[in-house]
Protein backbone atom coordinates (compact mmCIF):
# COMPACT_ATOMS: atom_id res chain seq x y z
CA GLY A 1 47.73 -2.70 270.61
CA ASP A 2 49.77 -4.53 267.96
CA GLY A 3 46.72 -6.40 266.69
CA SER A 4 48.01 -9.82 267.70
CA ILE A 5 45.73 -12.54 269.04
CA ARG A 6 46.70 -14.61 272.06
CA LEU A 7 45.07 -17.51 273.86
CA GLN A 8 43.28 -16.32 276.99
CA HIS A 9 41.13 -19.26 278.08
CA MET A 10 40.46 -22.81 276.93
CA ILE A 11 37.14 -24.62 277.19
CA THR A 12 37.40 -28.38 277.70
CA GLN A 13 33.90 -29.21 278.87
CA HIS A 14 32.72 -30.92 275.67
CA SER A 15 33.47 -34.55 274.89
CA ALA A 16 33.30 -34.13 271.09
CA ALA A 17 33.98 -31.57 268.38
CA ILE A 18 32.23 -28.23 268.96
CA ARG A 19 29.80 -27.47 266.12
CA ARG A 20 28.13 -24.15 266.95
CA VAL A 21 28.76 -21.14 269.23
CA ASP A 22 26.38 -18.30 270.12
CA PHE A 23 27.21 -15.18 272.11
CA SER A 24 24.83 -13.14 274.21
CA ALA A 25 23.75 -9.64 273.28
CA ALA A 26 25.63 -6.63 274.64
CA ALA A 27 25.38 -6.59 278.43
CA ASN A 28 27.52 -6.26 281.54
CA VAL A 29 28.47 -9.94 281.41
CA ALA A 30 28.98 -11.79 278.14
CA TYR A 31 27.89 -15.40 277.89
CA MET A 32 28.27 -18.07 275.26
CA ARG A 33 26.43 -21.29 274.51
CA THR A 34 27.94 -24.15 272.58
CA CYS A 35 26.93 -27.54 271.25
CA CYS A 36 29.06 -30.45 270.13
CA ALA A 37 28.77 -33.55 267.96
CA ALA A 38 27.86 -35.63 271.04
CA GLY A 39 24.65 -33.63 271.54
CA GLU A 40 25.82 -31.64 274.56
CA LEU A 41 24.54 -28.12 275.23
CA CYS A 42 26.82 -26.05 277.50
CA PHE A 43 26.93 -22.48 278.76
CA PHE A 44 30.01 -20.44 279.67
CA GLU A 45 31.10 -16.97 280.67
CA ALA A 46 32.72 -15.52 277.56
CA ASP A 47 35.24 -13.42 279.51
CA THR A 48 36.58 -16.15 281.78
CA GLY A 49 35.55 -19.39 280.05
CA MET A 50 33.94 -20.57 283.29
CA PHE A 51 31.39 -23.34 282.83
CA ILE A 52 27.86 -22.58 284.06
CA PRO A 53 26.21 -25.87 285.11
CA ALA A 54 22.84 -24.31 286.02
CA ALA A 55 21.14 -23.44 282.74
CA SER A 56 18.32 -21.74 284.64
CA ARG A 57 20.68 -18.85 285.43
CA LEU A 58 20.67 -17.84 281.75
CA LYS A 59 17.03 -18.47 280.93
CA ASP A 60 16.35 -14.74 280.43
CA VAL A 61 19.59 -13.84 278.65
CA ARG A 62 19.18 -12.16 275.27
CA TRP A 63 21.27 -13.85 272.60
CA HIS A 64 22.91 -12.11 269.68
CA SER A 65 22.44 -15.09 267.34
CA ALA A 66 20.53 -18.37 267.23
CA THR A 67 22.76 -20.84 265.39
CA VAL A 68 22.97 -23.51 268.10
CA PRO A 69 20.45 -26.19 267.05
CA LEU A 70 20.01 -27.43 270.62
CA GLY A 71 18.02 -25.42 273.13
CA TRP A 72 14.62 -24.39 274.38
CA ALA A 73 13.81 -22.09 271.43
CA SER A 74 14.56 -24.77 268.81
CA GLN A 75 13.59 -28.01 270.52
CA GLY A 76 10.48 -28.40 268.35
CA VAL A 77 12.50 -28.82 265.12
CA HIS A 78 13.91 -32.14 266.33
CA ALA A 79 11.98 -35.31 265.55
CA ALA A 80 10.31 -36.95 268.53
CA GLU A 81 11.73 -40.30 267.42
CA ASN A 82 15.10 -41.16 265.94
CA ASP A 83 14.15 -41.33 262.26
CA GLY A 84 17.52 -40.22 260.92
CA SER A 85 16.43 -36.64 260.24
CA ARG A 86 19.12 -35.12 262.43
CA VAL A 87 19.04 -31.31 262.50
CA THR A 88 22.46 -30.07 261.42
CA ALA A 89 22.04 -26.28 261.16
CA VAL A 90 19.62 -23.59 262.34
CA ASP A 91 19.40 -19.81 262.27
CA ALA A 92 16.81 -17.21 263.17
CA PRO A 93 16.93 -13.39 262.84
CA ILE A 94 15.86 -12.90 266.45
CA ALA A 95 15.97 -9.11 266.13
CA GLU A 96 13.04 -9.20 263.68
CA PRO A 97 9.47 -8.60 264.93
CA ARG A 98 8.35 -12.08 263.77
CA PRO A 99 11.53 -14.13 263.29
CA VAL A 100 11.49 -17.31 261.25
CA LEU A 101 13.63 -20.27 262.25
CA ALA A 102 15.39 -21.98 259.33
CA ALA A 103 16.55 -25.54 259.98
CA GLY A 104 18.61 -27.83 257.77
CA ASP A 105 18.81 -31.57 258.38
CA ALA A 106 20.80 -34.64 257.40
CA PHE A 107 18.48 -35.32 254.44
CA GLY A 108 19.35 -32.01 252.78
CA ARG A 109 15.99 -30.44 253.56
CA VAL A 110 15.51 -26.81 254.58
CA ARG A 111 12.50 -26.19 256.80
CA LEU A 112 10.93 -22.97 258.08
CA TYR A 113 9.28 -22.68 261.51
CA ARG A 114 8.00 -19.87 263.62
CA TYR A 115 10.49 -18.82 266.29
CA PRO A 116 10.68 -19.95 269.01
CA CYS A 117 9.73 -23.50 268.04
CA THR A 118 9.10 -25.35 271.31
CA SER A 119 6.51 -27.94 270.29
CA ALA A 120 7.01 -31.15 268.30
CA LEU A 121 3.55 -30.48 266.81
CA ALA A 122 4.73 -27.30 265.09
CA LYS A 123 4.17 -27.25 261.34
CA ALA A 124 6.91 -26.33 258.89
CA LYS A 125 7.41 -25.45 255.24
CA THR A 126 9.93 -27.79 253.60
CA TYR A 127 12.24 -27.07 250.65
CA ARG A 128 14.70 -29.34 248.87
CA GLY A 129 17.83 -28.35 247.02
CA HIS A 130 20.79 -30.03 248.67
CA ALA A 131 21.65 -33.67 248.09
CA ALA A 132 23.62 -34.01 251.33
CA PRO A 133 23.33 -32.83 254.94
CA VAL A 134 23.06 -29.06 255.30
CA ALA A 135 26.31 -27.93 256.91
CA ALA A 136 25.29 -24.32 257.61
CA ALA A 137 22.32 -21.98 257.24
CA ARG A 138 22.33 -18.21 257.82
CA TRP A 139 19.92 -15.40 257.14
CA ALA A 140 21.54 -12.49 255.30
CA ALA A 141 20.77 -9.02 253.92
CA GLY A 142 18.32 -8.11 256.65
CA ALA A 143 16.72 -11.57 256.65
CA SER A 144 15.67 -11.08 253.01
CA HIS A 145 17.76 -14.06 251.88
CA LEU A 146 18.81 -17.39 253.33
CA VAL A 147 22.17 -18.95 252.45
CA THR A 148 22.68 -22.69 252.92
CA ILE A 149 25.80 -24.80 252.38
CA GLY A 150 25.82 -28.51 251.58
CA ALA A 151 28.21 -30.73 253.51
CA ARG A 152 29.17 -33.10 250.68
CA ASP A 153 27.46 -31.80 247.56
CA ARG A 154 29.86 -28.82 247.52
CA CYS A 155 27.31 -26.20 246.59
CA VAL A 156 25.90 -23.02 248.12
CA LEU A 157 22.22 -22.17 247.64
CA GLN A 158 20.91 -18.64 247.93
CA TRP A 159 17.21 -18.57 248.77
CA ALA A 160 15.00 -15.49 248.49
CA ARG A 161 12.40 -14.76 251.15
CA ILE A 162 8.94 -14.47 249.59
CA ALA A 163 6.11 -12.95 251.58
CA ASP A 164 2.80 -14.79 251.64
CA ASP A 165 0.35 -11.93 251.11
CA VAL A 166 -2.74 -14.09 251.73
CA ALA A 167 -1.41 -15.37 255.04
CA GLU A 168 -0.44 -11.84 256.08
CA GLU A 169 -3.97 -10.60 255.38
CA GLU A 170 -5.46 -13.50 257.32
CA ARG A 171 -3.16 -12.82 260.27
CA ALA A 172 -4.05 -9.11 260.25
CA SER A 173 -7.74 -10.01 260.14
CA ARG A 174 -7.36 -12.33 263.12
CA GLU A 175 -5.54 -9.62 265.06
CA MET A 176 -8.31 -7.11 264.38
CA THR A 177 -11.01 -9.63 265.35
CA ALA A 178 -9.20 -10.55 268.55
CA ALA A 179 -8.67 -6.89 269.44
CA ALA A 180 -12.33 -6.08 268.86
CA SER A 181 -13.62 -9.01 270.92
CA SER A 182 -11.18 -8.71 273.85
CA PRO A 183 -12.49 -6.81 276.91
CA ALA A 184 -10.80 -3.70 278.18
CA PRO A 185 -7.91 -4.47 280.52
CA THR A 186 -8.60 -3.94 284.21
CA THR A 187 -5.18 -4.82 285.58
CA LEU A 188 -1.68 -3.79 284.91
CA ALA A 189 -0.05 -5.32 281.85
CA SER A 190 2.36 -8.15 282.45
CA ALA A 191 6.06 -7.73 281.89
CA PRO A 192 7.10 -7.66 278.24
CA ALA A 193 8.37 -10.84 276.63
CA ALA A 194 12.07 -11.38 276.28
CA ALA A 195 13.66 -10.20 273.07
CA GLY A 196 13.77 -12.78 270.30
CA THR A 197 10.27 -14.20 270.86
CA THR A 198 8.23 -14.95 267.82
CA ASP A 199 4.73 -14.09 266.91
CA THR A 200 3.43 -10.76 268.16
CA THR A 201 -0.08 -12.24 268.38
CA ALA A 202 1.01 -14.83 270.94
CA ASP A 203 0.10 -14.05 274.53
CA SER A 204 3.13 -13.54 276.76
CA THR A 205 2.12 -15.37 279.93
CA GLU A 206 3.87 -16.31 283.10
CA ALA A 207 4.84 -19.82 282.11
CA THR A 208 5.58 -22.58 284.55
CA PRO A 209 9.07 -23.94 283.82
CA GLY A 210 8.95 -27.04 281.69
CA ARG A 211 5.22 -26.74 280.93
CA THR A 212 5.22 -24.17 278.10
CA GLU A 213 3.96 -26.69 275.55
CA LEU A 214 1.10 -27.83 277.80
CA ALA A 215 -0.12 -24.23 278.07
CA LEU A 216 -1.53 -24.61 274.56
CA ALA A 217 -3.39 -27.83 275.29
CA SER A 218 -6.77 -26.32 274.54
CA ASP A 219 -5.65 -25.21 271.07
CA VAL A 220 -4.03 -28.48 270.05
CA ASP A 221 -6.40 -30.94 271.70
CA GLU A 222 -7.32 -32.66 268.45
CA LEU A 223 -3.69 -33.13 267.45
CA ALA A 224 -2.64 -34.19 270.91
CA GLN A 225 -5.28 -36.95 271.13
CA ALA A 226 -3.43 -38.98 268.51
CA ASP A 227 -0.23 -38.81 270.52
CA ALA A 228 -1.78 -38.76 273.96
CA GLY A 229 0.38 -41.62 275.09
CA ASP A 230 3.52 -39.68 274.24
CA VAL A 231 2.64 -36.45 276.05
CA ALA A 232 3.93 -36.18 279.60
CA THR A 233 1.59 -34.58 282.17
CA ASN A 234 3.69 -33.84 285.20
CA SER A 235 2.03 -31.66 287.80
CA ASP A 236 5.20 -30.98 289.76
CA ALA A 237 6.99 -28.12 287.96
CA ASP A 238 9.55 -26.95 290.47
CA THR A 239 12.34 -27.39 287.93
CA ALA A 240 12.55 -27.31 284.15
CA GLU A 241 13.56 -30.97 284.02
CA ASP A 242 10.34 -32.28 285.58
CA ASP A 243 8.54 -32.68 282.24
CA VAL A 244 11.46 -34.29 280.39
CA ASP A 245 10.89 -37.95 279.64
CA LEU A 246 13.80 -39.97 281.00
CA ALA A 247 14.17 -42.12 277.89
CA GLU A 248 14.15 -39.07 275.65
CA ALA A 249 16.62 -37.27 277.91
CA THR A 250 18.96 -40.24 277.63
CA SER A 251 19.01 -40.02 273.84
CA LYS A 252 18.90 -36.19 273.91
CA PRO A 253 20.93 -35.07 276.92
CA TRP A 254 20.64 -31.43 275.89
CA LEU A 255 16.95 -31.47 276.86
CA LEU A 256 18.02 -31.26 280.49
CA ALA A 257 19.49 -27.82 279.76
CA CYS A 258 16.32 -26.48 278.12
CA VAL A 259 14.82 -23.95 280.50
CA PRO A 260 12.02 -21.63 279.30
CA PRO A 261 12.33 -17.90 279.96
CA THR A 262 10.39 -16.28 282.76
CA HIS A 263 7.81 -14.84 280.37
CA ALA A 264 7.69 -17.60 277.77
CA PRO A 265 5.46 -16.96 274.75
CA ARG A 266 2.68 -19.35 273.93
CA PRO A 267 3.79 -21.74 271.16
CA VAL A 268 2.38 -21.11 267.68
CA LEU A 269 1.92 -24.30 265.67
CA GLU A 270 1.12 -22.75 262.31
CA PRO A 271 3.91 -22.43 259.71
CA PRO A 272 5.41 -18.98 259.04
CA ASP A 273 3.81 -16.54 256.63
CA ILE A 274 6.75 -16.64 254.21
CA SER A 275 8.18 -19.05 251.67
CA LEU A 276 11.54 -19.61 249.98
CA GLY A 277 12.61 -19.69 246.35
CA VAL A 278 16.03 -20.55 244.95
CA ARG A 279 17.57 -17.37 243.54
CA TRP A 280 21.12 -18.51 242.81
CA VAL A 281 23.19 -21.67 242.91
CA HIS A 282 26.95 -21.51 243.47
CA GLY A 283 29.23 -24.45 242.78
CA VAL A 284 29.75 -27.14 240.15
CA GLN A 285 30.26 -30.71 241.33
CA ALA A 286 32.74 -31.67 238.62
CA GLU A 287 34.31 -34.33 240.83
CA LEU A 288 30.99 -35.94 241.76
CA ALA A 289 29.37 -36.21 238.31
CA ARG A 290 30.38 -37.43 234.87
CA GLY A 291 29.98 -34.79 232.17
CA ALA A 292 28.94 -32.26 234.78
CA VAL A 293 28.99 -29.33 232.31
CA ALA A 294 27.33 -29.06 228.87
CA TYR A 295 25.94 -26.41 226.48
CA ASN A 296 22.43 -26.04 225.08
CA GLY A 297 21.54 -24.88 221.58
CA ALA A 298 21.75 -21.20 222.57
CA GLY A 299 25.23 -21.55 224.01
CA ASP A 300 24.06 -21.36 227.62
CA ILE A 301 25.96 -23.38 230.20
CA VAL A 302 24.17 -26.37 231.72
CA TYR A 303 25.68 -27.95 234.81
CA ALA A 304 24.77 -30.10 237.81
CA SER A 305 24.81 -28.80 241.36
CA ALA A 306 23.54 -31.03 244.18
CA ARG A 307 20.09 -32.29 243.13
CA LEU A 308 19.53 -29.30 240.84
CA ALA A 309 20.49 -28.85 237.20
CA VAL A 310 21.32 -25.22 236.39
CA ILE A 311 20.93 -23.44 233.04
CA TYR A 312 23.06 -20.31 233.14
CA ALA A 313 22.47 -17.61 230.50
CA ARG A 314 25.53 -15.36 230.36
CA ALA A 315 23.96 -12.37 228.57
CA PRO A 316 21.19 -11.58 231.11
CA HIS A 317 23.21 -13.22 233.92
CA ALA A 318 20.30 -15.41 234.96
CA GLN A 319 19.76 -18.99 236.07
CA THR A 320 16.98 -21.45 235.32
CA TYR A 321 16.64 -24.73 237.18
CA TYR A 322 15.49 -28.27 236.63
CA ALA A 323 14.49 -29.69 240.02
CA GLY A 324 13.06 -33.07 239.08
CA HIS A 325 15.71 -35.17 240.83
CA ASP A 326 15.35 -36.31 244.43
CA HIS A 327 19.01 -37.23 244.88
CA LEU A 328 22.47 -36.11 243.83
CA ILE A 329 22.89 -35.76 240.05
CA SER A 330 25.70 -38.13 239.03
CA ALA A 331 25.72 -37.70 235.23
CA LEU A 332 24.61 -35.13 232.66
CA ALA A 333 24.69 -34.98 228.85
CA ALA A 334 23.17 -32.70 226.20
CA SER A 335 21.69 -33.90 222.91
CA PRO A 336 23.67 -33.11 219.70
CA CYS A 337 21.07 -30.50 218.73
CA GLY A 338 21.30 -28.87 222.17
CA ARG A 339 17.57 -29.01 222.70
CA PHE A 340 17.38 -31.66 225.41
CA VAL A 341 19.47 -32.74 228.39
CA ALA A 342 19.57 -36.17 230.01
CA SER A 343 20.60 -36.37 233.66
CA GLY A 344 20.92 -39.30 236.01
CA ASP A 345 21.00 -39.41 239.79
CA ARG A 346 22.65 -41.45 242.51
CA GLN A 347 20.34 -43.64 244.59
CA ARG A 348 19.47 -47.27 245.13
CA ARG A 349 17.13 -47.29 242.14
CA ALA A 350 18.72 -44.59 240.01
CA ARG A 351 16.68 -42.84 237.32
CA VAL A 352 17.36 -40.89 234.14
CA HIS A 353 15.42 -37.68 233.44
CA ILE A 354 15.11 -35.94 230.07
CA TRP A 355 14.21 -32.25 230.10
CA ASP A 356 14.25 -29.11 227.99
CA ALA A 357 17.73 -27.58 227.82
CA HIS A 358 16.43 -24.01 227.52
CA ALA A 359 13.50 -23.74 229.97
CA GLY A 360 14.19 -26.68 232.29
CA ALA A 361 10.75 -28.18 231.62
CA PRO A 362 10.52 -31.96 232.14
CA ALA A 363 10.09 -34.12 229.04
CA ALA A 364 10.31 -37.71 230.28
CA ALA A 365 11.55 -39.88 233.15
CA LEU A 366 12.88 -43.30 232.17
CA PRO A 367 12.08 -46.37 234.29
CA PRO A 368 14.63 -47.14 237.02
CA ARG A 369 17.02 -49.66 235.45
CA HIS A 370 20.26 -48.70 237.18
CA ARG A 371 21.37 -49.65 240.67
CA GLY A 372 23.45 -47.31 242.79
CA ALA A 373 24.04 -44.51 240.28
CA VAL A 374 23.82 -43.61 236.62
């Protein structure tokens, strides 16, 4: 009653630092799922802190958030091979009718998938803004904006959600065509899909545990032929671990805890019907760049933030961006007349870009003469 906080339980199951925590939606029993830096996915009772070793017990639990990057609903965002593109942050507004999974990786990329993303063949829309691993990503304002934070570039990017009208019309047309061609149902409808599933056009079928991805074999046959040697075809599906390749499970131990829900939706491989656009950049990397702030001829502030150069006009309170760099901007300088800006980046073969100081339009890119950074 005094508003104080006291320690009730302590969780010591993980062997490394805990990175993300999700709680279940309101129910009689509250659960939590956690992941750590060692790639472990664990489940607990939130009230008692008791570890739940059998992940299949919680396969139909509705979760309040989806920020844990390890799990059945987000396994498709991880690369099939260890190429260095480690997924560092995810989030999906699972309460939306067609939620979109946003994933940030160690290369600073932000990718959009349909949720749930259970297939490695799923296509994504990729956006670049950060020059370092993405430390966090969260949908905000009713999933109308996405906020991402860079781990080392010390900047926060606010992305606006932009609807793809053409894709929406095509999806509506496909739904109408499918509804017109489907025969009238003669049996009772199957149980509704669990909350948080993605595309409303996907059939909610009784999936065999561990074989959700193979249920779409007829739709992805052409893509699967190229990787036929990498696709496991296990006919014994008594447990969710039957289809997990042993070598992959060794490098990704969390795959053993990935259990599909009872009524798993059919995976959708197409990218989502939305796109992202940078709407605001917060943060100036004054400690990471030389001459990080300058002024153009109109008195607007020009500064470097991650791999973006920002032109901030104070009167209309608006930002314009130059996004020609592929790496962290390490130096910036304006011409004496204030018409042009030269900026250099930090990479093995560093480059210098010259661009318009008012509109952010590129003017020239000098040959790479520097090594390491400008």
